[in-house]
Amino acid sequence: MPLMRFLFPALLLFLLLPAQAPAQGWSLAPLKAEEAREAREKSRTPHGKPEAAPLRHAVYHVQRQKDGREHELHLLLLNRERSTLRVIDLARSPTPDGAPPMRRVAEGLQRAGAVAGVNGGYFQPGHAPLGLVIREGREEHPFQSSRILTGVFIVTPRGASLLRTAEFRNGFRKGAYKGAPVREALQAGPFLVDKGLAVPGLNATRPAERTVLLADRKGVAALLVTPPMTLADAGELLATPGLFPGLKIERALNLDGGSSTAMWVEGGREPGLNGPNGFSRSEWKRVRNAIGVMPLSTPAPASAP
């Protein structure tokens, strides 16, 4: 009996203690003063004040708790009332003698009038696209079935969205998704995050640079490039609650990565595209297409399909 009198209060105290939240695999890294200053300098808003700019380029340093390693992430946070997204074809037509058949991502984005952007979808030998490509309302390559192509990025008059393959196929009829004309579309994959959770079963052994589209409940909200990491690490990273202040990631779709990963922000230094500001991370090999952030002169309605 004395033993029970001792154990009962201890058990009651244990039950009343708040449950400890599970440890997160990733967190924002504590920046030193100089690093914080450099990060602020890298955060830019092309085309004027933040409320009128089509996007904000932000730099985040994140830390993986299991090994303490830090990673620098570059994020293009969209102002959806002041921007739209377009698929940009990088093929030269015709190809001048001696010139590569594909333009660099930065050159193609600038020629199209974008203020920023990233590389786009997968492609086959000879640079033919892999999977569905719709540009400016025209289908340029048909839908394809592939294990890696688990999602579709689309733009309609309602906004930009990330869809599961089955969602897209069930809702796509005669060039429209659920009645809204599809202006731009690109098959990609795999999905890294769905319903705010990391997708299970992602590869955990092959690190590479990643290019990713991020969506919240309203639709596509940001474009991201990362240093080398596995797909599983990227999914875990992007499912971390509160990782990016003000952005709650519901879905994340992986684009072509590795040597294809590229990001350009107006003013970024590229051969023939020099400027005092901006940002540029070039691809190592030429790619077929890119996703460009296009400025809007008048605010767009803030909704998605």
Protein backbone atom coordinates (compact mmCIF):
# COMPACT_ATOMS: atom_id res chain seq x y z
CA MET A 1 0.00 0.00 0.00
CA PRO A 2 2.72 2.58 0.80
CA LEU A 3 4.24 1.82 -2.61
CA MET A 4 0.89 2.49 -4.32
CA ARG A 5 0.54 5.78 -2.44
CA PHE A 6 3.90 6.78 -3.93
CA LEU A 7 3.29 5.59 -7.49
CA PHE A 8 -0.19 7.04 -7.91
CA PRO A 9 0.77 10.74 -7.53
CA ALA A 10 3.80 10.18 -9.78
CA LEU A 11 1.63 8.59 -12.47
CA LEU A 12 -0.93 11.39 -12.19
CA LEU A 13 1.81 14.01 -12.61
CA PHE A 14 3.15 12.21 -15.70
CA LEU A 15 -0.29 12.14 -17.31
CA LEU A 16 -0.86 15.83 -16.65
CA LEU A 17 2.43 16.93 -18.21
CA PRO A 18 2.03 18.41 -21.71
CA ALA A 19 2.98 16.04 -24.49
CA GLN A 20 6.35 16.83 -26.02
CA ALA A 21 6.20 17.75 -29.70
CA PRO A 22 8.17 15.45 -31.96
CA ALA A 23 11.61 16.78 -32.86
CA GLN A 24 11.72 18.45 -36.25
CA GLY A 25 14.34 17.28 -38.75
CA TRP A 26 14.99 20.80 -40.06
CA SER A 27 15.01 24.32 -38.66
CA LEU A 28 16.12 27.80 -39.64
CA ALA A 29 19.82 28.04 -38.92
CA PRO A 30 20.99 30.66 -36.40
CA LEU A 31 22.75 33.26 -38.50
CA LYS A 32 25.78 35.22 -37.39
CA ALA A 33 25.53 39.00 -37.68
CA GLU A 34 27.50 39.15 -40.93
CA GLU A 35 25.56 36.26 -42.47
CA ALA A 36 22.28 37.93 -41.50
CA ARG A 37 23.39 41.14 -43.20
CA GLU A 38 24.35 39.26 -46.36
CA ALA A 39 21.00 37.43 -46.33
CA ARG A 40 19.13 40.73 -46.06
CA GLU A 41 21.12 42.11 -48.98
CA LYS A 42 20.19 39.06 -51.06
CA SER A 43 16.47 39.56 -50.35
CA ARG A 44 15.24 41.69 -53.23
CA THR A 45 12.00 42.91 -54.72
CA PRO A 46 12.38 43.51 -58.48
CA HIS A 47 10.21 46.27 -59.95
CA GLY A 48 9.67 48.58 -57.03
CA LYS A 49 8.17 48.46 -53.56
CA PRO A 50 7.27 45.09 -52.01
CA GLU A 51 3.51 45.62 -52.27
CA ALA A 52 3.77 46.42 -56.00
CA ALA A 53 6.58 44.01 -56.92
CA PRO A 54 5.70 40.74 -58.68
CA LEU A 55 7.92 38.73 -56.34
CA ARG A 56 10.45 38.78 -53.54
CA HIS A 57 13.72 36.87 -53.77
CA ALA A 58 14.61 35.60 -50.31
CA VAL A 59 17.54 33.60 -48.97
CA TYR A 60 17.09 31.16 -46.10
CA HIS A 61 19.71 29.16 -44.22
CA VAL A 62 18.32 25.91 -42.83
CA GLN A 63 19.96 23.33 -40.62
CA ARG A 64 19.41 19.59 -40.57
CA GLN A 65 19.32 18.52 -36.94
CA LYS A 66 20.65 14.98 -37.38
CA ASP A 67 24.04 16.19 -38.64
CA GLY A 68 24.03 19.97 -38.04
CA ARG A 69 24.73 20.75 -41.71
CA GLU A 70 23.51 24.08 -43.05
CA HIS A 71 21.97 24.60 -46.49
CA GLU A 72 21.29 27.84 -48.37
CA LEU A 73 17.88 27.98 -50.05
CA HIS A 74 16.80 30.55 -52.64
CA LEU A 75 13.09 31.27 -52.73
CA LEU A 76 11.02 33.34 -55.16
CA LEU A 77 7.94 34.38 -53.16
CA LEU A 78 5.19 35.39 -55.57
CA ASN A 79 2.91 38.39 -55.28
CA ARG A 80 -0.01 36.66 -56.98
CA GLU A 81 -1.89 39.91 -57.54
CA ARG A 82 1.06 41.33 -59.48
CA SER A 83 2.43 38.31 -61.34
CA THR A 84 1.57 35.23 -63.34
CA LEU A 85 3.61 32.19 -64.38
CA ARG A 86 4.44 31.07 -67.91
CA VAL A 87 6.18 28.09 -69.47
CA ILE A 88 9.06 29.46 -71.57
CA ASP A 89 10.40 27.38 -74.48
CA LEU A 90 14.19 27.70 -74.71
CA ALA A 91 14.60 26.21 -78.20
CA ARG A 92 16.19 28.45 -80.81
CA SER A 93 14.23 28.58 -84.04
CA PRO A 94 15.98 28.60 -86.39
CA THR A 95 19.31 27.63 -84.84
CA PRO A 96 22.19 29.87 -86.01
CA ASP A 97 25.28 28.08 -87.27
CA GLY A 98 27.44 26.97 -84.36
CA ALA A 99 24.93 28.03 -81.68
CA PRO A 100 23.56 25.56 -79.11
CA PRO A 101 19.99 24.50 -79.97
CA MET A 102 18.76 25.64 -76.53
CA ARG A 103 19.14 29.07 -74.95
CA ARG A 104 20.30 29.34 -71.37
CA VAL A 105 17.54 29.73 -68.79
CA ALA A 106 18.52 33.32 -67.94
CA GLU A 107 18.59 34.37 -71.59
CA GLY A 108 15.26 32.74 -72.37
CA LEU A 109 13.56 34.29 -69.35
CA GLN A 110 14.84 37.76 -70.19
CA ARG A 111 13.83 37.48 -73.86
CA ALA A 112 10.31 36.47 -72.78
CA GLY A 113 9.96 39.52 -70.52
CA ALA A 114 10.11 37.62 -67.23
CA VAL A 115 11.50 39.25 -64.10
CA ALA A 116 12.63 35.93 -62.65
CA GLY A 117 12.25 32.20 -63.06
CA VAL A 118 13.64 28.69 -62.80
CA ASN A 119 14.30 25.74 -65.07
CA GLY A 120 11.27 23.68 -65.99
CA GLY A 121 10.37 20.08 -66.76
CA TYR A 122 12.17 16.94 -67.85
CA PHE A 123 13.29 16.31 -71.40
CA GLN A 124 14.41 13.43 -73.60
CA PRO A 125 17.60 12.98 -75.65
CA GLY A 126 17.55 15.65 -78.32
CA HIS A 127 15.74 17.98 -75.87
CA ALA A 128 12.22 16.84 -76.75
CA PRO A 129 9.98 17.48 -73.69
CA LEU A 130 8.99 14.61 -71.44
CA GLY A 131 5.28 14.84 -70.63
CA LEU A 132 2.58 17.42 -71.20
CA VAL A 133 3.56 20.93 -72.24
CA ILE A 134 0.95 23.64 -72.84
CA ARG A 135 2.14 27.16 -73.67
CA GLU A 136 -0.13 30.14 -74.23
CA GLY A 137 -3.10 27.79 -74.55
CA ARG A 138 -1.49 25.51 -77.17
CA GLU A 139 -0.54 21.90 -76.47
CA GLU A 140 3.06 21.51 -77.63
CA HIS A 141 3.66 18.02 -76.27
CA PRO A 142 1.10 15.40 -75.21
CA PHE A 143 0.44 13.94 -71.78
CA GLN A 144 2.65 10.94 -70.92
CA SER A 145 2.50 8.22 -68.29
CA SER A 146 5.70 7.79 -66.30
CA ARG A 147 6.58 6.79 -62.74
CA ILE A 148 8.34 10.09 -62.15
CA LEU A 149 5.60 12.30 -63.64
CA THR A 150 3.21 12.27 -60.68
CA GLY A 151 1.98 15.85 -60.95
CA VAL A 152 0.98 18.66 -63.28
CA PHE A 153 1.61 22.39 -62.90
CA ILE A 154 -1.16 24.41 -64.54
CA VAL A 155 -2.10 28.05 -65.00
CA THR A 156 -5.70 29.08 -65.69
CA PRO A 157 -7.48 32.45 -65.39
CA ARG A 158 -8.10 31.45 -61.74
CA GLY A 159 -4.38 31.16 -60.95
CA ALA A 160 -1.58 28.58 -60.83
CA SER A 161 -1.99 25.19 -59.16
CA LEU A 162 -0.23 21.88 -58.53
CA LEU A 163 -2.35 18.84 -59.31
CA ARG A 164 -1.95 15.13 -58.87
CA THR A 165 -1.96 13.30 -62.21
CA ALA A 166 -5.33 11.70 -61.50
CA GLU A 167 -6.84 15.07 -60.49
CA PHE A 168 -5.70 16.62 -63.74
CA ARG A 169 -6.88 13.77 -65.96
CA ASN A 170 -10.27 13.63 -64.26
CA GLY A 171 -10.84 17.38 -64.60
CA PHE A 172 -9.20 18.17 -67.96
CA ARG A 173 -11.55 18.37 -70.94
CA LYS A 174 -11.03 20.09 -74.30
CA GLY A 175 -8.19 22.31 -73.16
CA ALA A 176 -9.83 23.31 -69.88
CA TYR A 177 -9.55 22.16 -66.27
CA LYS A 178 -12.95 22.14 -64.55
CA GLY A 179 -14.20 24.64 -67.12
CA ALA A 180 -11.25 27.05 -66.83
CA PRO A 181 -9.04 27.32 -69.96
CA VAL A 182 -5.53 25.99 -69.31
CA ARG A 183 -3.07 28.64 -70.46
CA GLU A 184 0.12 26.89 -69.30
CA ALA A 185 0.86 23.35 -68.13
CA LEU A 186 3.88 21.20 -67.41
CA GLN A 187 4.09 17.61 -66.23
CA ALA A 188 6.69 17.03 -63.53
CA GLY A 189 7.38 15.06 -60.39
CA PRO A 190 7.58 13.48 -58.04
CA PHE A 191 5.36 15.20 -55.49
CA LEU A 192 7.44 15.96 -52.38
CA VAL A 193 4.67 17.28 -50.11
CA ASP A 194 0.92 16.70 -50.22
CA LYS A 195 -1.63 17.96 -47.71
CA GLY A 196 1.24 19.48 -45.74
CA LEU A 197 2.99 16.13 -45.21
CA ALA A 198 6.11 14.65 -46.75
CA VAL A 199 5.23 12.06 -49.39
CA PRO A 200 6.37 8.60 -48.23
CA GLY A 201 8.66 6.40 -50.28
CA LEU A 202 10.82 9.13 -51.84
CA ASN A 203 14.39 8.22 -52.77
CA ALA A 204 16.77 8.72 -49.84
CA THR A 205 20.09 7.79 -51.45
CA ARG A 206 20.73 10.11 -54.41
CA PRO A 207 21.41 13.76 -53.50
CA ALA A 208 21.13 16.42 -56.21
CA GLU A 209 20.27 20.08 -56.53
CA ARG A 210 16.50 20.53 -56.56
CA THR A 211 14.09 22.90 -58.29
CA VAL A 212 10.65 22.88 -56.66
CA LEU A 213 7.25 24.56 -57.01
CA LEU A 214 5.52 25.31 -53.69
CA ALA A 215 1.78 25.80 -53.18
CA ASP A 216 -0.38 26.88 -50.26
CA ARG A 217 -4.17 26.60 -50.10
CA LYS A 218 -4.55 29.40 -52.67
CA GLY A 219 -2.26 27.86 -55.28
CA VAL A 220 1.37 28.18 -56.35
CA ALA A 221 3.07 30.59 -53.96
CA ALA A 222 6.81 30.21 -54.52
CA LEU A 223 9.62 28.73 -56.61
CA LEU A 224 12.62 27.20 -54.85
CA VAL A 225 16.12 25.94 -55.60
CA THR A 226 18.15 23.94 -53.10
CA PRO A 227 21.71 22.65 -52.81
CA PRO A 228 22.23 18.88 -53.24
CA MET A 229 19.83 16.79 -51.15
CA THR A 230 17.81 13.61 -51.64
CA LEU A 231 14.14 13.71 -52.58
CA ALA A 232 13.29 12.31 -49.15
CA ASP A 233 15.27 15.07 -47.43
CA ALA A 234 13.58 17.70 -49.61
CA GLY A 235 10.14 16.35 -48.69
CA GLU A 236 10.98 16.32 -44.99
CA LEU A 237 12.43 19.83 -45.23
CA LEU A 238 9.41 21.33 -46.99
CA ALA A 239 6.93 19.64 -44.65
CA THR A 240 8.57 21.29 -41.62
CA PRO A 241 5.93 23.58 -40.02
CA GLY A 242 6.85 27.26 -39.96
CA LEU A 243 10.00 26.82 -42.01
CA PHE A 244 9.25 29.85 -44.19
CA PRO A 245 7.46 32.58 -42.20
CA GLY A 246 4.11 33.43 -43.77
CA LEU A 247 4.08 30.42 -46.11
CA LYS A 248 2.26 27.23 -45.15
CA ILE A 249 3.23 24.64 -47.74
CA GLU A 250 0.39 22.33 -48.71
CA ARG A 251 1.96 20.88 -51.85
CA ALA A 252 5.45 20.74 -53.34
CA LEU A 253 6.21 19.43 -56.83
CA ASN A 254 9.73 18.54 -57.92
CA LEU A 255 10.89 19.81 -61.32
CA ASP A 256 13.98 18.69 -63.25
CA GLY A 257 17.02 19.09 -61.00
CA GLY A 258 20.68 18.22 -60.67
CA SER A 259 22.66 19.71 -63.56
CA SER A 260 19.41 21.27 -64.87
CA THR A 261 18.73 23.36 -61.74
CA ALA A 262 18.74 27.09 -62.47
CA MET A 263 17.28 30.30 -61.05
CA TRP A 264 17.49 33.80 -62.40
CA VAL A 265 16.27 37.10 -60.91
CA GLU A 266 16.31 40.28 -62.98
CA GLY A 267 19.76 41.87 -62.81
CA GLY A 268 21.50 38.57 -62.16
CA ARG A 269 24.95 38.30 -63.70
CA GLU A 270 25.09 36.08 -66.76
CA PRO A 271 27.22 36.39 -69.90
CA GLY A 272 25.60 39.26 -71.78
CA LEU A 273 23.06 39.85 -68.99
CA ASN A 274 25.13 41.77 -66.47
CA GLY A 275 23.43 43.98 -63.90
CA PRO A 276 24.21 45.54 -60.52
CA ASN A 277 21.67 43.46 -58.56
CA GLY A 278 19.59 40.34 -59.00
CA PHE A 279 20.67 36.74 -58.70
CA SER A 280 21.68 33.97 -61.06
CA ARG A 281 22.40 30.29 -60.60
CA SER A 282 23.10 28.76 -63.99
CA GLU A 283 22.28 25.28 -65.18
CA TRP A 284 25.22 22.98 -65.98
CA LYS A 285 23.55 21.61 -69.09
CA ARG A 286 21.06 23.16 -71.48
CA VAL A 287 17.40 22.40 -70.73
CA ARG A 288 14.24 22.49 -72.84
CA ASN A 289 12.03 24.92 -70.95
CA ALA A 290 11.72 27.21 -67.98
CA ILE A 291 9.01 28.68 -65.75
CA GLY A 292 9.00 32.47 -65.82
CA VAL A 293 7.52 34.99 -63.40
CA MET A 294 5.73 37.56 -65.56
CA PRO A 295 4.80 40.97 -64.12
CA LEU A 296 1.20 42.16 -64.36
CA SER A 297 0.40 45.84 -64.84
CA THR A 298 -2.99 45.45 -63.18
CA PRO A 299 -3.74 43.30 -60.11
CA ALA A 300 -5.05 39.81 -60.86
CA PRO A 301 -7.85 38.13 -58.92
CA ALA A 302 -6.37 36.06 -56.08
CA SER A 303 -7.89 32.62 -56.62
CA ALA A 304 -6.89 29.21 -57.94
CA PRO A 305 -8.76 26.31 -59.55
